[in-house]
Protein backbone atom coordinates (compact mmCIF):
# COMPACT_ATOMS: atom_id res chain seq x y z
CA MET A 1 -21.70 267.46 -128.33
CA SER A 2 -23.34 269.35 -125.50
CA ASP A 3 -25.49 267.69 -122.86
CA SER A 4 -28.65 269.50 -124.04
CA THR A 5 -28.14 268.31 -127.62
CA LYS A 6 -27.68 264.74 -126.42
CA GLU A 7 -30.85 265.01 -124.30
CA LYS A 8 -32.83 266.24 -127.30
CA GLN A 9 -31.63 263.31 -129.39
CA ASP A 10 -32.51 260.87 -126.61
CA ASN A 11 -35.98 262.40 -126.34
CA LYS A 12 -36.53 262.00 -130.09
CA VAL A 13 -35.78 258.31 -129.80
CA LEU A 14 -38.25 257.97 -126.92
CA LYS A 15 -40.96 259.91 -128.76
CA LYS A 16 -41.10 257.52 -131.71
CA LYS A 17 -44.55 256.09 -132.14
CA ALA A 18 -45.16 252.64 -130.81
CA GLU A 19 -45.73 249.92 -133.38
CA PRO A 20 -49.45 249.61 -134.19
CA ALA A 21 -51.35 246.67 -132.75
CA TYR A 22 -53.99 244.70 -134.63
CA THR A 23 -56.90 242.58 -133.41
CA LYS A 24 -56.96 238.87 -134.12
CA THR A 25 -59.86 239.41 -136.56
CA GLU A 26 -57.84 241.95 -138.53
CA ILE A 27 -54.83 239.65 -138.53
CA LEU A 28 -56.82 236.68 -139.81
CA ALA A 29 -58.27 238.79 -142.62
CA ALA A 30 -54.75 239.81 -143.64
CA ALA A 31 -53.07 236.41 -143.38
CA HIS A 32 -51.86 236.69 -146.99
CA VAL A 33 -49.75 239.72 -146.02
CA PHE A 34 -47.65 237.39 -143.88
CA GLY A 35 -47.44 234.76 -146.61
CA VAL A 36 -49.54 232.17 -144.81
CA THR A 37 -53.02 230.74 -145.17
CA VAL A 38 -55.88 231.65 -142.86
CA ASP A 39 -55.62 228.17 -141.33
CA VAL A 40 -51.94 228.61 -140.45
CA MET A 41 -52.64 232.08 -139.03
CA ALA A 42 -55.54 230.74 -136.96
CA GLY A 43 -53.29 228.03 -135.53
CA ALA A 44 -50.57 230.54 -134.72
CA LEU A 45 -53.00 232.95 -133.04
CA ARG A 46 -54.67 230.19 -131.05
CA ARG A 47 -51.54 229.88 -128.91
CA VAL A 48 -51.40 233.64 -128.17
CA ASP A 49 -53.23 234.98 -125.10
CA LYS A 50 -53.29 238.62 -126.16
CA GLU A 51 -56.19 240.08 -128.16
CA GLN A 52 -54.05 242.66 -129.98
CA LEU A 53 -50.61 242.04 -131.44
CA THR A 54 -47.92 244.01 -133.22
CA ARG A 55 -46.45 242.88 -136.53
CA ALA A 56 -43.35 241.55 -134.76
CA GLU A 57 -45.48 239.53 -132.34
CA ILE A 58 -47.51 238.11 -135.23
CA GLU A 59 -44.39 237.03 -137.10
CA LYS A 60 -43.00 235.43 -133.95
CA ALA A 61 -46.27 233.56 -133.38
CA ILE A 62 -46.19 232.24 -136.95
CA GLN A 63 -42.59 231.06 -136.59
CA ASN A 64 -43.37 229.37 -133.27
CA PHE A 65 -46.38 227.63 -134.81
CA LYS A 66 -44.47 226.44 -137.86
CA GLY A 67 -41.66 225.12 -135.67
CA LYS A 68 -43.92 222.98 -133.46
CA GLN A 69 -43.63 219.21 -133.67
CA VAL A 70 -46.80 217.43 -134.73
């Protein structure tokens, strides 16, 4: 493979769109998409400082919340 072909492939990887981010209001409204209640989602989001989150960040917040000792 030539260097220019490899560069083009590397550029394609870099040009992929970033994962969309959602506001906390949008996330709460779509709590069912993540298989949790609005109450669980609210608890998970309460611990997050950011106002917009990606799907991966939302899932991580839910897992962290569910794993907390009460």
